[in-house]
C-alpha atoms as a PDB file:
ATOM      1  CA  MET A   1      40.920   3.851  48.988  1.00  0.00           C
ATOM      2  CA  ASN A   2      41.841   0.555  47.242  1.00  0.00           C
ATOM      3  CA  ALA A   3      40.686  -0.272  43.642  1.00  0.00           C
ATOM      4  CA  GLU A   4      37.752  -2.491  44.621  1.00  0.00           C
ATOM      5  CA  LYS A   5      36.425   0.028  47.128  1.00  0.00           C
ATOM      6  CA  ARG A   6      36.887   2.833  44.537  1.00  0.00           C
ATOM      7  CA  PHE A   7      34.958   0.750  41.964  1.00  0.00           C
ATOM      8  CA  SER A   8      32.171  -0.002  44.433  1.00  0.00           C
ATOM      9  CA  PHE A   9      32.061   3.662  45.552  1.00  0.00           C
ATOM     10  CA  PHE A  10      31.698   5.023  41.998  1.00  0.00           C
ATOM     11  CA  TYR A  11      29.232   2.352  40.949  1.00  0.00           C
ATOM     12  CA  SER A  12      26.998   2.824  44.010  1.00  0.00           C
ATOM     13  CA  GLN A  13      27.237   6.615  43.666  1.00  0.00           C
ATOM     14  CA  ILE A  14      26.258   6.549  39.978  1.00  0.00           C
ATOM     15  CA  VAL A  15      23.782   3.614  39.679  1.00  0.00           C
ATOM     16  CA  GLU A  16      20.759   3.921  41.977  1.00  0.00           C
ATOM     17  CA  GLY A  17      19.199   0.549  41.168  1.00  0.00           C
ATOM     18  CA  GLU A  18      19.175  -2.441  38.825  1.00  0.00           C
ATOM     19  CA  ASN A  19      16.612  -0.748  36.513  1.00  0.00           C
ATOM     20  CA  ASP A  20      18.373   2.682  36.532  1.00  0.00           C
ATOM     21  CA  MET A  21      19.058   3.042  32.793  1.00  0.00           C
ATOM     22  CA  ILE A  22      20.455   6.519  33.180  1.00  0.00           C
ATOM     23  CA  GLY A  23      22.781   5.355  35.974  1.00  0.00           C
ATOM     24  CA  HIS A  24      24.048   2.430  33.850  1.00  0.00           C
ATOM     25  CA  ILE A  25      24.729   4.765  30.898  1.00  0.00           C
ATOM     26  CA  THR A  26      26.375   7.287  33.256  1.00  0.00           C
ATOM     27  CA  TYR A  27      28.634   4.527  34.616  1.00  0.00           C
ATOM     28  CA  SER A  28      29.457   3.456  31.067  1.00  0.00           C
ATOM     29  CA  LEU A  29      30.458   7.095  30.229  1.00  0.00           C
ATOM     30  CA  TYR A  30      32.605   7.170  33.410  1.00  0.00           C
ATOM     31  CA  LYS A  31      34.323   3.870  32.368  1.00  0.00           C
ATOM     32  CA  THR A  32      34.910   5.174  28.824  1.00  0.00           C
ATOM     33  CA  SER A  33      36.509   8.299  30.297  1.00  0.00           C
ATOM     34  CA  LYS A  34      38.694   6.164  32.537  1.00  0.00           C
ATOM     35  CA  ILE A  35      39.826   4.017  29.531  1.00  0.00           C
ATOM     36  CA  LYS A  36      40.696   7.176  27.626  1.00  0.00           C
ATOM     37  CA  PHE A  37      42.675   8.447  30.579  1.00  0.00           C
ATOM     38  CA  ILE A  38      44.611   5.183  30.807  1.00  0.00           C
ATOM     39  CA  GLU A  39      45.343   5.085  26.999  1.00  0.00           C
ATOM     40  CA  LYS A  40      46.528   8.682  27.118  1.00  0.00           C
ATOM     41  CA  PHE A  41      48.693   7.897  30.149  1.00  0.00           C
ATOM     42  CA  LYS A  42      50.198   4.833  28.367  1.00  0.00           C
ATOM     43  CA  GLU A  43      51.052   6.982  25.283  1.00  0.00           C
ATOM     44  CA  GLY A  44      52.988   9.453  27.449  1.00  0.00           C
ATOM     45  CA  ASN A  45      54.698   6.782  29.565  1.00  0.00           C
ATOM     46  CA  GLU A  46      56.028   4.278  26.984  1.00  0.00           C
ATOM     47  CA  GLY A  47      53.028   1.910  27.247  1.00  0.00           C
ATOM     48  CA  ARG A  48      53.154   1.614  31.032  1.00  0.00           C
ATOM     49  CA  ILE A  49      49.839   1.148  32.838  1.00  0.00           C
ATOM     50  CA  PRO A  50      49.189   3.739  35.629  1.00  0.00           C
ATOM     51  CA  THR A  51      49.402   2.738  39.264  1.00  0.00           C
ATOM     52  CA  GLU A  52      46.527   3.344  41.728  1.00  0.00           C
ATOM     53  CA  LYS A  53      48.392   6.404  42.981  1.00  0.00           C
ATOM     54  CA  GLU A  54      48.602   7.741  39.424  1.00  0.00           C
ATOM     55  CA  LEU A  55      44.874   7.005  38.860  1.00  0.00           C
ATOM     56  CA  GLU A  56      44.028   9.083  41.902  1.00  0.00           C
ATOM     57  CA  THR A  57      43.998  12.310  39.847  1.00  0.00           C
ATOM     58  CA  PHE A  58      41.475  10.717  37.472  1.00  0.00           C
ATOM     59  CA  TYR A  59      39.229   9.627  40.403  1.00  0.00           C
ATOM     60  CA  ILE A  60      39.228  13.098  41.869  1.00  0.00           C
ATOM     61  CA  SER A  61      38.361  14.632  38.501  1.00  0.00           C
ATOM     62  CA  ALA A  62      35.715  11.974  37.857  1.00  0.00           C
ATOM     63  CA  GLU A  63      33.963  12.726  41.165  1.00  0.00           C
ATOM     64  CA  ASN A  64      33.518  16.285  39.894  1.00  0.00           C
ATOM     65  CA  HIS A  65      32.248  15.105  36.471  1.00  0.00           C
ATOM     66  CA  ILE A  66      29.587  12.639  37.662  1.00  0.00           C
ATOM     67  CA  SER A  67      26.769  15.196  37.246  1.00  0.00           C
ATOM     68  CA  SER A  68      27.971  16.009  33.684  1.00  0.00           C
ATOM     69  CA  TYR A  69      28.149  12.260  32.845  1.00  0.00           C
ATOM     70  CA  ARG A  70      24.529  11.949  34.112  1.00  0.00           C
ATOM     71  CA  ILE A  71      23.447  14.882  31.943  1.00  0.00           C
ATOM     72  CA  GLN A  72      25.157  13.297  28.934  1.00  0.00           C
ATOM     73  CA  ALA A  73      23.461   9.950  29.720  1.00  0.00           C
ATOM     74  CA  GLU A  74      20.044  11.599  29.986  1.00  0.00           C
ATOM     75  CA  GLN A  75      20.614  13.260  26.623  1.00  0.00           C
ATOM     76  CA  LEU A  76      21.829  10.003  25.009  1.00  0.00           C
ATOM     77  CA  LEU A  77      18.842   8.054  26.357  1.00  0.00           C
ATOM     78  CA  SER A  78      16.418  10.852  25.333  1.00  0.00           C
ATOM     79  CA  ASP A  79      17.919  10.933  21.771  1.00  0.00           C
ATOM     80  CA  PHE A  80      17.716   7.157  21.545  1.00  0.00           C
ATOM     81  CA  ILE A  81      14.106   7.062  22.699  1.00  0.00           C
ATOM     82  CA  SER A  82      13.214   9.932  20.329  1.00  0.00           C
ATOM     83  CA  ARG A  83      14.798   8.191  17.323  1.00  0.00           C
ATOM     84  CA  THR A  84      13.225   4.888  18.231  1.00  0.00           C
ATOM     85  CA  VAL A  85       9.779   6.414  18.606  1.00  0.00           C
ATOM     86  CA  ASP A  86      10.173   8.403  15.379  1.00  0.00           C
ATOM     87  CA  ALA A  87      11.248   5.266  13.485  1.00  0.00           C
ATOM     88  CA  GLU A  88       8.462   3.224  14.949  1.00  0.00           C
ATOM     89  CA  LEU A  89       5.911   5.988  14.207  1.00  0.00           C
ATOM     90  CA  GLU A  90       7.181   6.235  10.594  1.00  0.00           C
ATOM     91  CA  ASP A  91       6.855   2.433  10.246  1.00  0.00           C
ATOM     92  CA  MET A  92       3.349   2.554  11.664  1.00  0.00           C
ATOM     93  CA  GLU A  93       2.333   5.382   9.320  1.00  0.00           C
ATOM     94  CA  LYS A  94       3.690   3.411   6.284  1.00  0.00           C
ATOM     95  CA  GLN A  95       1.804   0.277   7.389  1.00  0.00           C
ATOM     96  CA  MET A  96      -1.393   2.293   7.955  1.00  0.00           C
ATOM     97  CA  LEU A  97      -1.066   3.756   4.469  1.00  0.00           C
ATOM     98  CA  ILE A  98      -0.539   0.302   2.971  1.00  0.00           C
ATOM     99  CA  ASN A  99      -3.558  -1.036   4.871  1.00  0.00           C
ATOM    100  CA  GLN A 100      -5.665   1.955   3.771  1.00  0.00           C
ATOM    101  CA  GLN A 101      -4.687   1.440   0.112  1.00  0.00           C
ATOM    102  CA  ASP A 102      -5.477  -2.281   0.343  1.00  0.00           C
ATOM    103  CA  THR A 103      -8.858  -1.571   1.912  1.00  0.00           C
ATOM    104  CA  LEU A 104      -9.709   0.988  -0.797  1.00  0.00           C
ATOM    105  CA  ARG A 105      -8.717  -1.489  -3.525  1.00  0.00           C
ATOM    106  CA  GLU A 106     -10.940  -4.160  -1.985  1.00  0.00           C
ATOM    107  CA  ILE A 107     -13.847  -1.698  -2.007  1.00  0.00           C
ATOM    108  CA  ILE A 108     -13.248  -0.084  -5.425  1.00  0.00           C
ATOM    109  CA  ASN A 109     -12.087  -3.036  -7.551  1.00  0.00           C
ATOM    110  CA  PRO A 110     -15.506  -4.717  -7.679  1.00  0.00           C
ATOM    111  CA  LEU A 111     -17.095  -1.369  -8.831  1.00  0.00           C
ATOM    112  CA  ILE A 112     -14.738  -0.918 -11.787  1.00  0.00           C
ATOM    113  CA  PRO A 113     -15.754  -2.716 -14.968  1.00  0.00           C
ATOM    114  CA  PRO A 114     -13.046  -4.856 -16.449  1.00  0.00           C
ATOM    115  CA  PRO A 115     -11.300  -3.279 -19.499  1.00  0.00           C
ATOM    116  CA  PRO A 116     -12.444  -4.496 -22.917  1.00  0.00           C
ATOM    117  CA  LYS A 117     -10.612  -7.530 -24.221  1.00  0.00           C
ATOM    118  CA  GLY A 118      -9.899  -5.948 -27.592  1.00  0.00           C
ATOM    119  CA  PRO A 119     -11.367  -3.688 -30.271  1.00  0.00           C
ATOM    120  CA  TRP A 120     -13.528  -6.522 -31.638  1.00  0.00           C
ATOM    121  CA  ALA A 121     -14.467  -8.069 -28.255  1.00  0.00           C
ATOM    122  CA  GLY A 122     -18.099  -6.988 -28.231  1.00  0.00           C
ATOM    123  CA  PHE A 123     -18.601  -6.749 -32.006  1.00  0.00           C
ATOM    124  CA  GLY A 124     -20.453 -10.104 -32.423  1.00  0.00           C
ATOM    125  CA  MET A 125     -22.888  -9.370 -29.657  1.00  0.00           C
ATOM    126  CA  ALA A 126     -23.531  -5.852 -30.952  1.00  0.00           C
ATOM    127  CA  VAL A 127     -24.354  -7.207 -34.419  1.00  0.00           C
ATOM    128  CA  ILE A 128     -26.843  -9.687 -32.895  1.00  0.00           C
ATOM    129  CA  VAL A 129     -28.478  -7.040 -30.731  1.00  0.00           C
ATOM    130  CA  LYS A 130     -28.798  -4.578 -33.645  1.00  0.00           C
ATOM    131  CA  GLY A 131     -30.206  -7.306 -35.876  1.00  0.00           C
ATOM    132  CA  ALA A 132     -32.771  -8.271 -33.273  1.00  0.00           C
ATOM    133  CA  GLN A 133     -33.733  -4.599 -32.896  1.00  0.00           C
ATOM    134  CA  THR A 134     -34.221  -4.277 -36.649  1.00  0.00           C
ATOM    135  CA  VAL A 135     -36.419  -7.425 -36.823  1.00  0.00           C
ATOM    136  CA  VAL A 136     -38.544  -6.166 -33.914  1.00  0.00           C
ATOM    137  CA  VAL A 137     -39.074  -2.735 -35.533  1.00  0.00           C
ATOM    138  CA  ALA A 138     -39.960  -4.414 -38.863  1.00  0.00           C
ATOM    139  CA  ILE A 139     -42.556  -6.654 -37.191  1.00  0.00           C
ATOM    140  CA  ILE A 140     -44.051  -3.683 -35.402  1.00  0.00           C
ATOM    141  CA  LEU A 141     -44.240  -1.644 -38.663  1.00  0.00           C
ATOM    142  CA  PHE A 142     -45.786  -4.709 -40.436  1.00  0.00           C
ATOM    143  CA  PHE A 143     -48.554  -4.980 -37.831  1.00  0.00           C
ATOM    144  CA  ILE A 144     -49.259  -1.257 -37.938  1.00  0.00           C
ATOM    145  CA  ILE A 145     -49.672  -1.274 -41.713  1.00  0.00           C
ATOM    146  CA  PHE A 146     -51.645  -4.508 -41.551  1.00  0.00           C
ATOM    147  CA  PHE A 147     -54.112  -3.266 -38.984  1.00  0.00           C
ATOM    148  CA  ALA A 148     -54.513   0.009 -40.873  1.00  0.00           C
ATOM    149  CA  SER A 149     -55.421  -2.047 -43.970  1.00  0.00           C
ATOM    150  CA  VAL A 150     -57.794  -4.234 -41.898  1.00  0.00           C
ATOM    151  CA  GLN A 151     -59.685  -1.196 -40.752  1.00  0.00           C
ATOM    152  CA  GLU A 152     -60.015   0.047 -44.341  1.00  0.00           C
ATOM    153  CA  ASN A 153     -61.011  -3.147 -46.126  1.00  0.00           C
ATOM    154  CA  GLY A 154     -61.827  -5.751 -43.458  1.00  0.00           C
ATOM    155  CA  PHE A 155     -59.763  -8.676 -42.220  1.00  0.00           C
ATOM    156  CA  TRP A 156     -59.987 -11.221 -45.022  1.00  0.00           C
ATOM    157  CA  PRO A 157     -59.418  -8.850 -47.877  1.00  0.00           C
ATOM    158  CA  ALA A 158     -56.382  -7.491 -46.039  1.00  0.00           C
ATOM    159  CA  VAL A 159     -55.095 -11.068 -45.682  1.00  0.00           C
ATOM    160  CA  LYS A 160     -55.725 -11.749 -49.358  1.00  0.00           C
ATOM    161  CA  LYS A 161     -53.666  -8.681 -50.207  1.00  0.00           C
ATOM    162  CA  LEU A 162     -50.781 -10.275 -48.435  1.00  0.00           C
ATOM    163  CA  PHE A 163     -50.803 -13.274 -50.728  1.00  0.00           C
ATOM    164  CA  PRO A 164     -51.452 -12.124 -54.330  1.00  0.00           C
ATOM    165  CA  GLU A 165     -53.085 -14.702 -56.611  1.00  0.00           C
ATOM    166  CA  HIS A 166     -51.506 -15.776 -59.792  1.00  0.00           C
ATOM    167  CA  GLU A 167     -53.408 -15.282 -62.993  1.00  0.00           C
ATOM    168  CA  LYS A 168     -55.790 -18.180 -63.749  1.00  0.00           C
ATOM    169  CA  ASN A 169     -55.345 -17.968 -67.473  1.00  0.00           C
ATOM    170  CA  HIS A 170     -51.880 -19.004 -67.818  1.00  0.00           C
ATOM    171  CA  THR A 171     -50.565 -18.546 -71.288  1.00  0.00           C
ATOM    172  CA  VAL A 172     -47.670 -20.724 -72.026  1.00  0.00           C
ATOM    173  CA  PRO A 173     -45.176 -18.994 -74.154  1.00  0.00           C
ATOM    174  CA  THR A 174     -44.600 -20.707 -77.347  1.00  0.00           C
ATOM    175  CA  ASN A 175     -41.343 -21.225 -78.785  1.00  0.00           C
ATOM    176  CA  SER A 176     -41.166 -19.178 -81.915  1.00  0.00           C
ATOM    177  CA  LEU A 177     -38.341 -21.302 -83.311  1.00  0.00           C
ATOM    178  CA  ALA A 178     -40.300 -24.471 -83.112  1.00  0.00           C
ATOM    179  CA  LYS A 179     -42.838 -23.470 -85.845  1.00  0.00           C
END
């Protein structure tokens, strides 16, 4: 069998169609094995390339190894797919976790009050509020006492008690030195 027929024979025996990934990988393994055979031959024969007749032993051996090449190809493809799927799954899990964290931040951040600006940040407003509370309590107490007094004495006497009158007989102090 000449070289082209041999090539065509192995290719057609190994690759079943254009989309046969396992067949293409199997053929690649066959070609790798052939290259190794040729390199080993060259090492033992002072760099000389083997003739077709000398390659015949490789071809006979290769025909017997096609099924093992196919098994290797299936395992390589299976491992590749497994690693690819695992890597893709890991990437998807990471992305889902990031998306979940972002979504939770969007939900929770509006619910969390901002941290205080400093130890004195709310001091001014607190003083104003406490002062207003004190004034309101004082007014309420004033009205309670005033209305209690009104019930006891009547309205106008209670009002007069609020504004005490000065004594009508004002005595002007005399300067004792001026005498």
